[in-house]
Amino acid sequence: MGYDSGYLIDEHLPALPFRKGYPDWMASWKSTTDPTTWIKNSVVWYSQQITRSLGYKRLRKYVTQFGYGNEDVSGDPGKHNGLTRAWLSSSLKISPLEQVAFLENVVNRRLPVSSKAYAMTARITSLGVLPNGWEVHGKTGTASAVLDSGVRDEDHTYGWFVGWASRGDRICVFTHLLQVDNTQAVGAGVRARDEFLEQLPALLDSL
């Protein structure tokens, strides 16, 4: 969305300064952020600058065209905050299988976005090449579960690691989801990534 709309320019532009009042849950968020560090550090306020630049109608159109999960960007009930909160343990939901389907559309370039958008997304999500020659692209995600009562489960956190690996003309998409208790020193998303990357070479060699 960011690259297709023109708000994002390349790996390092725009570089936006942190401002008082932005979400600052992580120390790494309290500094100037560009597209590369946005993806690396999962900077929420940078995501919110992108969605604000789009506006609610364009955001909803993109999510619908992408067929992303339940396609619900309304946000928290009654709060009209979908533009900046829909993906943060809120209305927008996606299952692991739906995530795989979305990634298949990304790597096969079936989404209605520009060639530049595909190319730049690949660049900022690149995690390097494994010893067996597969290049890995991925993104972490972390969120608290929401109980049936609507209250966030502060004792447990979901960790996502999603992406794809390629070697030659072969491409494999993946989704790894786990839930951890919040006594863990390492964040759930980082833990999901590290755990999966440790297993990934053997999994790819078995294909």
Protein backbone atom coordinates (compact mmCIF):
# COMPACT_ATOMS: atom_id res chain seq x y z
CA MET A 1 0.00 0.00 0.00
CA GLY A 2 2.71 2.44 1.00
CA TYR A 3 4.80 1.98 -2.14
CA ASP A 4 1.87 1.61 -4.51
CA SER A 5 0.34 4.87 -3.29
CA GLY A 6 3.65 6.71 -3.61
CA TYR A 7 3.96 7.62 0.07
CA LEU A 8 6.99 5.34 0.42
CA ILE A 9 9.76 6.12 -2.04
CA ASP A 10 12.62 3.65 -1.56
CA GLU A 11 14.39 1.75 1.25
CA HIS A 12 15.27 4.94 3.13
CA LEU A 13 12.66 7.54 2.19
CA PRO A 14 10.69 9.01 3.72
CA ALA A 15 12.73 9.18 6.93
CA LEU A 16 10.27 10.47 9.55
CA PRO A 17 11.24 11.88 12.96
CA PHE A 18 9.71 10.53 16.14
CA ARG A 19 7.29 13.00 17.73
CA LYS A 20 5.93 13.23 21.24
CA GLY A 21 2.57 11.47 21.46
CA TYR A 22 3.48 8.70 19.00
CA PRO A 23 3.31 5.10 20.29
CA ASP A 24 6.64 4.52 22.04
CA TRP A 25 6.28 1.04 23.49
CA MET A 26 9.78 0.10 22.25
CA ALA A 27 12.96 2.12 22.72
CA SER A 28 13.82 1.61 19.02
CA TRP A 29 10.67 3.51 18.04
CA LYS A 30 11.86 6.75 19.62
CA SER A 31 14.06 7.76 16.71
CA THR A 32 13.88 8.77 13.06
CA THR A 33 12.46 5.84 11.08
CA ASP A 34 12.64 4.94 7.39
CA PRO A 35 11.00 2.04 5.49
CA THR A 36 13.85 -0.36 6.32
CA THR A 37 13.88 0.32 10.06
CA TRP A 38 10.06 0.43 10.08
CA ILE A 39 9.94 -3.21 8.96
CA LYS A 40 12.91 -4.28 11.08
CA ASN A 41 11.52 -2.78 14.31
CA SER A 42 7.76 -3.02 13.57
CA VAL A 43 7.29 0.69 14.28
CA VAL A 44 3.56 1.22 14.85
CA TRP A 45 3.57 5.01 14.49
CA TYR A 46 5.25 4.75 11.07
CA SER A 47 2.50 2.38 9.92
CA GLN A 48 -0.02 4.91 11.16
CA GLN A 49 1.56 7.70 9.10
CA ILE A 50 1.16 5.51 6.02
CA THR A 51 -2.49 4.71 6.72
CA ARG A 52 -3.25 8.36 7.53
CA SER A 53 -1.76 9.34 4.18
CA LEU A 54 -4.13 6.89 2.48
CA GLY A 55 -7.29 7.82 4.35
CA TYR A 56 -9.92 5.35 5.49
CA LYS A 57 -11.58 4.75 2.12
CA ARG A 58 -8.32 3.97 0.30
CA LEU A 59 -7.12 1.76 3.14
CA ARG A 60 -10.37 -0.21 3.03
CA LYS A 61 -10.13 -0.48 -0.77
CA TYR A 62 -6.60 -1.87 -0.63
CA VAL A 63 -7.47 -4.43 2.06
CA THR A 64 -10.54 -5.53 0.10
CA GLN A 65 -8.62 -5.82 -3.17
CA PHE A 66 -5.95 -7.84 -1.36
CA GLY A 67 -8.59 -10.18 0.08
CA TYR A 68 -6.69 -9.85 3.36
CA GLY A 69 -8.24 -11.94 6.11
CA ASN A 70 -11.70 -10.77 7.13
CA GLU A 71 -11.08 -7.41 5.38
CA ASP A 72 -12.50 -5.52 8.39
CA VAL A 73 -10.73 -2.20 8.99
CA SER A 74 -13.45 -0.67 11.17
CA GLY A 75 -11.28 -0.74 14.32
CA ASP A 76 -12.40 -1.09 17.91
CA PRO A 77 -16.20 -1.14 18.35
CA GLY A 78 -17.60 2.37 18.69
CA LYS A 79 -14.22 4.10 18.61
CA HIS A 80 -13.94 4.90 14.88
CA ASN A 81 -10.21 4.23 15.00
CA GLY A 82 -9.86 1.76 12.15
CA LEU A 83 -7.48 3.99 10.21
CA THR A 84 -4.83 3.73 12.94
CA ARG A 85 -5.80 0.69 15.00
CA ALA A 86 -7.57 -1.93 12.85
CA TRP A 87 -4.54 -4.24 12.68
CA LEU A 88 -3.58 -3.91 16.37
CA SER A 89 -5.51 -6.72 18.10
CA SER A 90 -8.63 -5.10 16.70
CA SER A 91 -11.08 -5.71 13.84
CA LEU A 92 -8.70 -6.90 11.12
CA LYS A 93 -8.10 -10.63 11.59
CA ILE A 94 -6.33 -13.27 9.53
CA SER A 95 -5.71 -16.99 10.00
CA PRO A 96 -2.41 -18.75 9.22
CA LEU A 97 -3.92 -20.36 6.10
CA GLU A 98 -5.29 -17.00 4.92
CA GLN A 99 -1.84 -15.52 5.49
CA VAL A 100 -0.29 -18.20 3.28
CA ALA A 101 -2.85 -17.45 0.55
CA PHE A 102 -2.04 -13.74 0.75
CA LEU A 103 1.72 -14.39 0.53
CA GLU A 104 1.19 -16.63 -2.48
CA ASN A 105 -0.52 -13.69 -4.17
CA VAL A 106 2.42 -11.45 -3.23
CA VAL A 107 5.16 -13.70 -4.60
CA ASN A 108 3.15 -14.47 -7.74
CA ARG A 109 2.36 -10.76 -8.22
CA ARG A 110 -1.39 -11.24 -8.33
CA LEU A 111 -2.25 -8.15 -6.31
CA PRO A 112 -3.32 -4.87 -7.96
CA VAL A 113 -0.14 -2.94 -7.10
CA SER A 114 2.81 -1.57 -9.08
CA SER A 115 5.96 -3.46 -9.99
CA LYS A 116 7.86 -1.03 -7.80
CA ALA A 117 5.70 -1.97 -4.82
CA TYR A 118 6.62 -5.64 -5.23
CA ALA A 119 10.33 -4.89 -5.74
CA MET A 120 10.64 -2.55 -2.76
CA THR A 121 8.70 -4.87 -0.47
CA ALA A 122 11.15 -7.63 -1.33
CA ARG A 123 14.08 -5.35 -0.55
CA ILE A 124 12.95 -4.17 2.88
CA THR A 125 11.88 -7.65 4.00
CA SER A 126 15.10 -9.40 2.93
CA LEU A 127 16.80 -11.31 5.75
CA GLY A 128 19.71 -12.65 3.73
CA VAL A 129 20.69 -16.02 2.31
CA LEU A 130 20.72 -19.29 4.25
CA PRO A 131 23.76 -21.63 4.07
CA ASN A 132 21.81 -23.86 1.64
CA GLY A 133 21.35 -20.99 -0.82
CA TRP A 134 17.74 -20.00 -0.11
CA GLU A 135 17.09 -16.24 0.21
CA VAL A 136 14.63 -15.45 2.99
CA HIS A 137 12.15 -12.58 3.23
CA GLY A 138 10.09 -12.19 6.36
CA LYS A 139 8.23 -10.04 8.83
CA THR A 140 7.50 -10.52 12.52
CA GLY A 141 4.29 -9.59 14.31
CA THR A 142 3.31 -9.43 17.96
CA ALA A 143 -0.11 -8.92 19.53
CA SER A 144 -2.05 -9.70 22.67
CA ALA A 145 -4.94 -12.10 22.43
CA VAL A 146 -8.43 -10.68 22.92
CA LEU A 147 -10.68 -12.71 25.22
CA ASP A 148 -14.37 -13.38 24.55
CA SER A 149 -15.15 -10.59 27.01
CA GLY A 150 -13.36 -8.13 24.74
CA VAL A 151 -10.54 -7.60 27.25
CA ARG A 152 -6.96 -8.10 26.12
CA ASP A 153 -5.20 -11.12 27.61
CA GLU A 154 -2.24 -9.39 29.23
CA ASP A 155 -0.71 -12.73 30.30
CA HIS A 156 -0.25 -14.16 26.80
CA THR A 157 1.03 -12.85 23.49
CA TYR A 158 0.87 -14.16 19.93
CA GLY A 159 4.01 -14.11 17.83
CA TRP A 160 3.96 -14.27 14.03
CA PHE A 161 6.71 -14.79 11.52
CA VAL A 162 5.58 -14.80 7.89
CA GLY A 163 7.34 -14.58 4.56
CA TRP A 164 8.88 -16.57 1.77
CA ALA A 165 12.13 -18.23 0.72
CA SER A 166 13.43 -18.47 -2.83
CA ARG A 167 16.21 -20.28 -4.66
CA GLY A 168 16.38 -20.14 -8.42
CA ASP A 169 12.84 -20.49 -9.72
CA ARG A 170 11.59 -22.18 -6.55
CA ILE A 171 9.60 -20.20 -3.98
CA CYS A 172 8.18 -21.41 -0.67
CA VAL A 173 5.86 -19.22 1.43
CA PHE A 174 5.53 -19.78 5.16
CA THR A 175 3.62 -18.71 8.24
CA HIS A 176 4.70 -19.50 11.79
CA LEU A 177 2.41 -18.63 14.71
CA LEU A 178 2.96 -19.27 18.40
CA GLN A 179 1.58 -18.09 21.71
CA VAL A 180 3.78 -17.43 24.72
CA ASP A 181 3.24 -16.24 28.26
CA ASN A 182 4.51 -12.78 29.03
CA THR A 183 7.17 -13.97 31.47
CA GLN A 184 9.42 -14.66 28.46
CA ALA A 185 12.35 -12.27 28.10
CA VAL A 186 12.20 -12.33 24.30
CA GLY A 187 9.18 -10.84 22.50
CA ALA A 188 6.78 -13.27 20.87
CA GLY A 189 7.38 -12.08 17.31
CA VAL A 190 11.16 -12.26 17.63
CA ARG A 191 10.86 -15.66 19.27
CA ALA A 192 8.66 -16.91 16.41
CA ARG A 193 11.20 -15.66 13.87
CA ASP A 194 14.25 -17.11 15.59
CA GLU A 195 12.57 -20.44 16.25
CA PHE A 196 11.42 -20.79 12.64
CA LEU A 197 14.69 -19.66 11.05
CA GLU A 198 16.49 -22.33 13.05
CA GLN A 199 14.20 -24.98 11.55
CA LEU A 200 13.92 -23.50 8.06
CA PRO A 201 17.08 -24.87 6.36
CA ALA A 202 16.13 -28.46 7.17
CA LEU A 203 12.52 -27.87 6.14
CA LEU A 204 13.60 -26.47 2.77
CA ASP A 205 16.08 -29.30 2.20
CA SER A 206 13.25 -31.78 2.74
CA LEU A 207 11.12 -30.34 -0.08
